[in-house]
Amino acid sequence: MAELTSLITATPEEGRLLAIQLARKSIVAIQPDGDTRKSLRQAYATDTMQLMMAAQIVALEFQTIALANNHWKKTD
């Protein structure tokens, strides 16, 4: 993956995709061994709670990106 240089995205959808990329990069940074990550997939692939936790991590990354992009600006 390319080096991250900015959180600025053209659209909220691009921000969501960036959030997924950031979450994936975090996992690789935490567990750099690809074989170990691959062996763990079987456990979380069928565990609803672990999948929900992964989605929560992506949501937190998206929240950061959305704030940086002012995607939730008020339109008063």
PDB file of N, CA and C in Angstrom:
ATOM      1  N   MET A   1       0.840  -1.185   0.000  1.00  0.00           N
ATOM      2  CA  MET A   1       0.000   0.000   0.000  1.00  0.00           C
ATOM      3  C   MET A   1       0.881   1.243   0.000  1.00  0.00           C
ATOM      4  N   ALA A   2       0.373   2.251  -0.649  1.00  0.00           N
ATOM      5  CA  ALA A   2       1.112   3.503  -0.738  1.00  0.00           C
ATOM      6  C   ALA A   2       1.124   4.212   0.611  1.00  0.00           C
ATOM      7  N   GLU A   3       2.115   5.081   0.765  1.00  0.00           N
ATOM      8  CA  GLU A   3       2.223   5.864   1.986  1.00  0.00           C
ATOM      9  C   GLU A   3       1.048   6.843   2.079  1.00  0.00           C
ATOM     10  N   LEU A   4       0.486   6.979   3.255  1.00  0.00           N
ATOM     11  CA  LEU A   4      -0.627   7.897   3.472  1.00  0.00           C
ATOM     12  C   LEU A   4      -0.076   9.314   3.610  1.00  0.00           C
ATOM     13  N   THR A   5      -0.548  10.210   2.778  1.00  0.00           N
ATOM     14  CA  THR A   5      -0.072  11.596   2.832  1.00  0.00           C
ATOM     15  C   THR A   5      -1.140  12.575   3.279  1.00  0.00           C
ATOM     16  N   SER A   6      -2.409  12.136   3.281  1.00  0.00           N
ATOM     17  CA  SER A   6      -3.493  13.039   3.641  1.00  0.00           C
ATOM     18  C   SER A   6      -4.755  12.252   3.983  1.00  0.00           C
ATOM     19  N   LEU A   7      -5.579  12.851   4.814  1.00  0.00           N
ATOM     20  CA  LEU A   7      -6.904  12.282   5.099  1.00  0.00           C
ATOM     21  C   LEU A   7      -7.978  12.931   4.231  1.00  0.00           C
ATOM     22  N   ILE A   8      -7.600  13.877   3.409  1.00  0.00           N
ATOM     23  CA  ILE A   8      -8.557  14.603   2.590  1.00  0.00           C
ATOM     24  C   ILE A   8      -9.009  13.720   1.420  1.00  0.00           C
ATOM     25  N   THR A   9     -10.325  13.599   1.250  1.00  0.00           N
ATOM     26  CA  THR A   9     -10.911  12.810   0.171  1.00  0.00           C
ATOM     27  C   THR A   9     -11.953  13.661  -0.548  1.00  0.00           C
ATOM     28  N   ALA A  10     -12.206  13.314  -1.801  1.00  0.00           N
ATOM     29  CA  ALA A  10     -13.162  14.090  -2.600  1.00  0.00           C
ATOM     30  C   ALA A  10     -14.599  13.831  -2.196  1.00  0.00           C
ATOM     31  N   THR A  11     -14.893  12.623  -1.715  1.00  0.00           N
ATOM     32  CA  THR A  11     -16.270  12.263  -1.367  1.00  0.00           C
ATOM     33  C   THR A  11     -16.271  11.440  -0.081  1.00  0.00           C
ATOM     34  N   PRO A  12     -17.423  11.364   0.585  1.00  0.00           N
ATOM     35  CA  PRO A  12     -17.523  10.488   1.748  1.00  0.00           C
ATOM     36  C   PRO A  12     -17.232   9.019   1.391  1.00  0.00           C
ATOM     37  N   GLU A  13     -17.613   8.570   0.201  1.00  0.00           N
ATOM     38  CA  GLU A  13     -17.338   7.186  -0.197  1.00  0.00           C
ATOM     39  C   GLU A  13     -15.837   6.932  -0.274  1.00  0.00           C
ATOM     40  N   GLU A  14     -15.092   7.882  -0.840  1.00  0.00           N
ATOM     41  CA  GLU A  14     -13.633   7.739  -0.853  1.00  0.00           C
ATOM     42  C   GLU A  14     -13.095   7.713   0.570  1.00  0.00           C
ATOM     43  N   GLY A  15     -13.720   8.475   1.452  1.00  0.00           N
ATOM     44  CA  GLY A  15     -13.331   8.466   2.862  1.00  0.00           C
ATOM     45  C   GLY A  15     -13.569   7.109   3.501  1.00  0.00           C
ATOM     46  N   ARG A  16     -14.677   6.486   3.162  1.00  0.00           N
ATOM     47  CA  ARG A  16     -14.974   5.152   3.696  1.00  0.00           C
ATOM     48  C   ARG A  16     -13.935   4.148   3.220  1.00  0.00           C
ATOM     49  N   LEU A  17     -13.585   4.219   1.946  1.00  0.00           N
ATOM     50  CA  LEU A  17     -12.571   3.307   1.415  1.00  0.00           C
ATOM     51  C   LEU A  17     -11.212   3.548   2.062  1.00  0.00           C
ATOM     52  N   LEU A  18     -10.903   4.805   2.325  1.00  0.00           N
ATOM     53  CA  LEU A  18      -9.660   5.124   3.024  1.00  0.00           C
ATOM     54  C   LEU A  18      -9.695   4.573   4.449  1.00  0.00           C
ATOM     55  N   ALA A  19     -10.850   4.647   5.100  1.00  0.00           N
ATOM     56  CA  ALA A  19     -10.988   4.110   6.456  1.00  0.00           C
ATOM     57  C   ALA A  19     -10.706   2.608   6.473  1.00  0.00           C
ATOM     58  N   ILE A  20     -11.203   1.898   5.488  1.00  0.00           N
ATOM     59  CA  ILE A  20     -10.940   0.453   5.398  1.00  0.00           C
ATOM     60  C   ILE A  20      -9.447   0.218   5.198  1.00  0.00           C
ATOM     61  N   GLN A  21      -8.829   1.000   4.333  1.00  0.00           N
ATOM     62  CA  GLN A  21      -7.393   0.868   4.094  1.00  0.00           C
ATOM     63  C   GLN A  21      -6.602   1.125   5.376  1.00  0.00           C
ATOM     64  N   LEU A  22      -6.980   2.159   6.125  1.00  0.00           N
ATOM     65  CA  LEU A  22      -6.284   2.471   7.372  1.00  0.00           C
ATOM     66  C   LEU A  22      -6.441   1.343   8.394  1.00  0.00           C
ATOM     67  N   ALA A  23      -7.634   0.800   8.489  1.00  0.00           N
ATOM     68  CA  ALA A  23      -7.852  -0.310   9.426  1.00  0.00           C
ATOM     69  C   ALA A  23      -6.982  -1.502   9.043  1.00  0.00           C
ATOM     70  N   ARG A  24      -6.899  -1.794   7.763  1.00  0.00           N
ATOM     71  CA  ARG A  24      -6.065  -2.913   7.301  1.00  0.00           C
ATOM     72  C   ARG A  24      -4.591  -2.655   7.589  1.00  0.00           C
ATOM     73  N   LYS A  25      -4.134  -1.422   7.377  1.00  0.00           N
ATOM     74  CA  LYS A  25      -2.745  -1.074   7.659  1.00  0.00           C
ATOM     75  C   LYS A  25      -2.451  -1.225   9.154  1.00  0.00           C
ATOM     76  N   SER A  26      -3.420  -0.873   9.980  1.00  0.00           N
ATOM     77  CA  SER A  26      -3.227  -1.004  11.430  1.00  0.00           C
ATOM     78  C   SER A  26      -3.051  -2.463  11.817  1.00  0.00           C
ATOM     79  N   ILE A  27      -3.857  -3.335  11.237  1.00  0.00           N
ATOM     80  CA  ILE A  27      -3.748  -4.765  11.534  1.00  0.00           C
ATOM     81  C   ILE A  27      -2.376  -5.293  11.124  1.00  0.00           C
ATOM     82  N   VAL A  28      -1.907  -4.891   9.947  1.00  0.00           N
ATOM     83  CA  VAL A  28      -0.587  -5.337   9.481  1.00  0.00           C
ATOM     84  C   VAL A  28       0.516  -4.805  10.399  1.00  0.00           C
ATOM     85  N   ALA A  29       0.354  -3.576  10.888  1.00  0.00           N
ATOM     86  CA  ALA A  29       1.354  -3.010  11.795  1.00  0.00           C
ATOM     87  C   ALA A  29       1.372  -3.749  13.135  1.00  0.00           C
ATOM     88  N   ILE A  30       0.187  -4.132  13.601  1.00  0.00           N
ATOM     89  CA  ILE A  30       0.088  -4.838  14.874  1.00  0.00           C
ATOM     90  C   ILE A  30       0.575  -6.273  14.747  1.00  0.00           C
ATOM     91  N   GLN A  31       0.189  -6.939  13.633  1.00  0.00           N
ATOM     92  CA  GLN A  31       0.604  -8.333  13.402  1.00  0.00           C
ATOM     93  C   GLN A  31       1.258  -8.402  12.018  1.00  0.00           C
ATOM     94  N   PRO A  32       2.570  -8.147  11.962  1.00  0.00           N
ATOM     95  CA  PRO A  32       3.244  -8.093  10.665  1.00  0.00           C
ATOM     96  C   PRO A  32       3.426  -9.448   9.973  1.00  0.00           C
ATOM     97  N   ASP A  33       3.273 -10.534  10.688  1.00  0.00           N
ATOM     98  CA  ASP A  33       3.482 -11.852  10.083  1.00  0.00           C
ATOM     99  C   ASP A  33       2.234 -12.280   9.301  1.00  0.00           C
ATOM    100  N   GLY A  34       2.375 -12.347   7.977  1.00  0.00           N
ATOM    101  CA  GLY A  34       1.249 -12.687   7.108  1.00  0.00           C
ATOM    102  C   GLY A  34       0.681 -14.067   7.370  1.00  0.00           C
ATOM    103  N   ASP A  35       1.531 -15.040   7.671  1.00  0.00           N
ATOM    104  CA  ASP A  35       1.045 -16.390   7.950  1.00  0.00           C
ATOM    105  C   ASP A  35       0.188 -16.420   9.207  1.00  0.00           C
ATOM    106  N   THR A  36       0.590 -15.663  10.215  1.00  0.00           N
ATOM    107  CA  THR A  36      -0.208 -15.608  11.450  1.00  0.00           C
ATOM    108  C   THR A  36      -1.550 -14.953  11.179  1.00  0.00           C
ATOM    109  N   ARG A  37      -1.553 -13.837  10.442  1.00  0.00           N
ATOM    110  CA  ARG A  37      -2.826 -13.175  10.108  1.00  0.00           C
ATOM    111  C   ARG A  37      -3.731 -14.117   9.345  1.00  0.00           C
ATOM    112  N   LYS A  38      -3.169 -14.847   8.396  1.00  0.00           N
ATOM    113  CA  LYS A  38      -3.961 -15.782   7.598  1.00  0.00           C
ATOM    114  C   LYS A  38      -4.546 -16.888   8.475  1.00  0.00           C
ATOM    115  N   SER A  39      -3.769 -17.382   9.419  1.00  0.00           N
ATOM    116  CA  SER A  39      -4.267 -18.460  10.278  1.00  0.00           C
ATOM    117  C   SER A  39      -5.370 -17.974  11.215  1.00  0.00           C
ATOM    118  N   LEU A  40      -5.367 -16.696  11.549  1.00  0.00           N
ATOM    119  CA  LEU A  40      -6.389 -16.139  12.436  1.00  0.00           C
ATOM    120  C   LEU A  40      -7.705 -15.848  11.721  1.00  0.00           C
ATOM    121  N   ARG A  41      -7.668 -15.719  10.401  1.00  0.00           N
ATOM    122  CA  ARG A  41      -8.887 -15.391   9.638  1.00  0.00           C
ATOM    123  C   ARG A  41     -10.009 -16.389   9.875  1.00  0.00           C
ATOM    124  N   GLN A  42      -9.665 -17.655   9.944  1.00  0.00           N
ATOM    125  CA  GLN A  42     -10.690 -18.690  10.139  1.00  0.00           C
ATOM    126  C   GLN A  42     -11.492 -18.436  11.413  1.00  0.00           C
ATOM    127  N   ALA A  43     -10.814 -17.990  12.464  1.00  0.00           N
ATOM    128  CA  ALA A  43     -11.493 -17.744  13.746  1.00  0.00           C
ATOM    129  C   ALA A  43     -12.453 -16.566  13.651  1.00  0.00           C
ATOM    130  N   TYR A  44     -12.018 -15.459  13.058  1.00  0.00           N
ATOM    131  CA  TYR A  44     -12.903 -14.293  13.044  1.00  0.00           C
ATOM    132  C   TYR A  44     -13.897 -14.300  11.893  1.00  0.00           C
ATOM    133  N   ALA A  45     -13.652 -15.090  10.870  1.00  0.00           N
ATOM    134  CA  ALA A  45     -14.558 -15.122   9.717  1.00  0.00           C
ATOM    135  C   ALA A  45     -15.944 -15.629  10.072  1.00  0.00           C
ATOM    136  N   THR A  46     -16.044 -16.423  11.122  1.00  0.00           N
ATOM    137  CA  THR A  46     -17.338 -16.980  11.527  1.00  0.00           C
ATOM    138  C   THR A  46     -17.782 -16.493  12.903  1.00  0.00           C
ATOM    139  N   ASP A  47     -17.099 -15.497  13.438  1.00  0.00           N
ATOM    140  CA  ASP A  47     -17.419 -14.974  14.767  1.00  0.00           C
ATOM    141  C   ASP A  47     -18.071 -13.600  14.623  1.00  0.00           C
ATOM    142  N   THR A  48     -19.365 -13.540  14.837  1.00  0.00           N
ATOM    143  CA  THR A  48     -20.124 -12.307  14.654  1.00  0.00           C
ATOM    144  C   THR A  48     -19.563 -11.155  15.477  1.00  0.00           C
ATOM    145  N   MET A  49     -19.203 -11.402  16.707  1.00  0.00           N
ATOM    146  CA  MET A  49     -18.695 -10.327  17.565  1.00  0.00           C
ATOM    147  C   MET A  49     -17.367  -9.774  17.038  1.00  0.00           C
ATOM    148  N   GLN A  50     -16.488 -10.640  16.579  1.00  0.00           N
ATOM    149  CA  GLN A  50     -15.215 -10.164  16.040  1.00  0.00           C
ATOM    150  C   GLN A  50     -15.424  -9.368  14.749  1.00  0.00           C
ATOM    151  N   LEU A  51     -16.362  -9.785  13.923  1.00  0.00           N
ATOM    152  CA  LEU A  51     -16.663  -9.034  12.700  1.00  0.00           C
ATOM    153  C   LEU A  51     -17.263  -7.673  13.032  1.00  0.00           C
ATOM    154  N   MET A  52     -18.116  -7.620  14.047  1.00  0.00           N
ATOM    155  CA  MET A  52     -18.699  -6.344  14.468  1.00  0.00           C
ATOM    156  C   MET A  52     -17.614  -5.421  15.025  1.00  0.00           C
ATOM    157  N   MET A  53     -16.653  -5.974  15.737  1.00  0.00           N
ATOM    158  CA  MET A  53     -15.546  -5.170  16.259  1.00  0.00           C
ATOM    159  C   MET A  53     -14.699  -4.613  15.112  1.00  0.00           C
ATOM    160  N   ALA A  54     -14.490  -5.415  14.077  1.00  0.00           N
ATOM    161  CA  ALA A  54     -13.742  -4.937  12.909  1.00  0.00           C
ATOM    162  C   ALA A  54     -14.491  -3.786  12.239  1.00  0.00           C
ATOM    163  N   ALA A  55     -15.802  -3.922  12.117  1.00  0.00           N
ATOM    164  CA  ALA A  55     -16.609  -2.849  11.531  1.00  0.00           C
ATOM    165  C   ALA A  55     -16.536  -1.581  12.384  1.00  0.00           C
ATOM    166  N   GLN A  56     -16.468  -1.737  13.685  1.00  0.00           N
ATOM    167  CA  GLN A  56     -16.360  -0.591  14.589  1.00  0.00           C
ATOM    168  C   GLN A  56     -15.026   0.128  14.381  1.00  0.00           C
ATOM    169  N   ILE A  57     -13.970  -0.608  14.156  1.00  0.00           N
ATOM    170  CA  ILE A  57     -12.670   0.006  13.893  1.00  0.00           C
ATOM    171  C   ILE A  57     -12.721   0.823  12.613  1.00  0.00           C
ATOM    172  N   VAL A  58     -13.341   0.280  11.575  1.00  0.00           N
ATOM    173  CA  VAL A  58     -13.487   1.021  10.320  1.00  0.00           C
ATOM    174  C   VAL A  58     -14.322   2.281  10.559  1.00  0.00           C
ATOM    175  N   ALA A  59     -15.373   2.167  11.353  1.00  0.00           N
ATOM    176  CA  ALA A  59     -16.221   3.332  11.644  1.00  0.00           C
ATOM    177  C   ALA A  59     -15.438   4.422  12.371  1.00  0.00           C
ATOM    178  N   LEU A  60     -14.577   4.037  13.294  1.00  0.00           N
ATOM    179  CA  LEU A  60     -13.758   5.027  13.995  1.00  0.00           C
ATOM    180  C   LEU A  60     -12.773   5.704  13.044  1.00  0.00           C
ATOM    181  N   GLU A  61     -12.175   4.937  12.149  1.00  0.00           N
ATOM    182  CA  GLU A  61     -11.280   5.520  11.149  1.00  0.00           C
ATOM    183  C   GLU A  61     -12.069   6.489  10.256  1.00  0.00           C
ATOM    184  N   PHE A  62     -13.290   6.087   9.842  1.00  0.00           N
ATOM    185  CA  PHE A  62     -14.104   6.947   8.990  1.00  0.00           C
ATOM    186  C   PHE A  62     -14.495   8.233   9.726  1.00  0.00           C
ATOM    187  N   GLN A  63     -14.782   8.129  10.993  1.00  0.00           N
ATOM    188  CA  GLN A  63     -15.128   9.314  11.780  1.00  0.00           C
ATOM    189  C   GLN A  63     -13.976  10.325  11.731  1.00  0.00           C
ATOM    190  N   THR A  64     -12.760   9.849  11.892  1.00  0.00           N
ATOM    191  CA  THR A  64     -11.588  10.725  11.834  1.00  0.00           C
ATOM    192  C   THR A  64     -11.475  11.380  10.456  1.00  0.00           C
ATOM    193  N   ILE A  65     -11.645  10.589   9.409  1.00  0.00           N
ATOM    194  CA  ILE A  65     -11.544  11.105   8.035  1.00  0.00           C
ATOM    195  C   ILE A  65     -12.668  12.098   7.756  1.00  0.00           C
ATOM    196  N   ALA A  66     -13.875  11.776   8.180  1.00  0.00           N
ATOM    197  CA  ALA A  66     -15.012  12.668   7.956  1.00  0.00           C
ATOM    198  C   ALA A  66     -14.806  14.002   8.673  1.00  0.00           C
ATOM    199  N   LEU A  67     -14.272  13.957   9.866  1.00  0.00           N
ATOM    200  CA  LEU A  67     -13.995  15.206  10.584  1.00  0.00           C
ATOM    201  C   LEU A  67     -12.923  16.011   9.865  1.00  0.00           C
ATOM    202  N   ALA A  68     -11.880  15.345   9.378  1.00  0.00           N
ATOM    203  CA  ALA A  68     -10.814  16.039   8.653  1.00  0.00           C
ATOM    204  C   ALA A  68     -11.338  16.680   7.371  1.00  0.00           C
ATOM    205  N   ASN A  69     -12.339  16.073   6.760  1.00  0.00           N
ATOM    206  CA  ASN A  69     -12.908  16.558   5.513  1.00  0.00           C
ATOM    207  C   ASN A  69     -14.124  17.442   5.707  1.00  0.00           C
ATOM    208  N   ASN A  70     -14.564  17.571   6.936  1.00  0.00           N
ATOM    209  CA  ASN A  70     -15.750  18.366   7.246  1.00  0.00           C
ATOM    210  C   ASN A  70     -16.984  17.817   6.498  1.00  0.00           C
ATOM    211  N   HIS A  71     -17.047  16.490   6.351  1.00  0.00           N
ATOM    212  CA  HIS A  71     -18.180  15.869   5.663  1.00  0.00           C
ATOM    213  C   HIS A  71     -19.491  16.062   6.441  1.00  0.00           C
ATOM    214  N   TRP A  72     -19.387  16.348   7.733  1.00  0.00           N
ATOM    215  CA  TRP A  72     -20.580  16.508   8.540  1.00  0.00           C
ATOM    216  C   TRP A  72     -20.851  17.967   8.850  1.00  0.00           C
ATOM    217  N   LYS A  73     -20.455  18.842   7.955  1.00  0.00           N
ATOM    218  CA  LYS A  73     -20.628  20.269   8.206  1.00  0.00           C
ATOM    219  C   LYS A  73     -22.116  20.627   8.269  1.00  0.00           C
ATOM    220  N   LYS A  74     -22.411  21.609   9.051  1.00  0.00           N
ATOM    221  CA  LYS A  74     -23.788  22.095   9.155  1.00  0.00           C
ATOM    222  C   LYS A  74     -24.108  22.933   7.940  1.00  0.00           C
ATOM    223  N   THR A  75     -25.314  22.801   7.453  1.00  0.00           N
ATOM    224  CA  THR A  75     -25.748  23.564   6.269  1.00  0.00           C
ATOM    225  C   THR A  75     -26.876  24.523   6.635  1.00  0.00           C
ATOM    226  N   ASP A  76     -26.707  25.241   7.725  1.00  0.00           N
ATOM    227  CA  ASP A  76     -27.736  26.185   8.187  1.00  0.00           C
ATOM    228  C   ASP A  76     -27.796  27.387   7.281  1.00  0.00           C
TER     229      ASP A  76
END
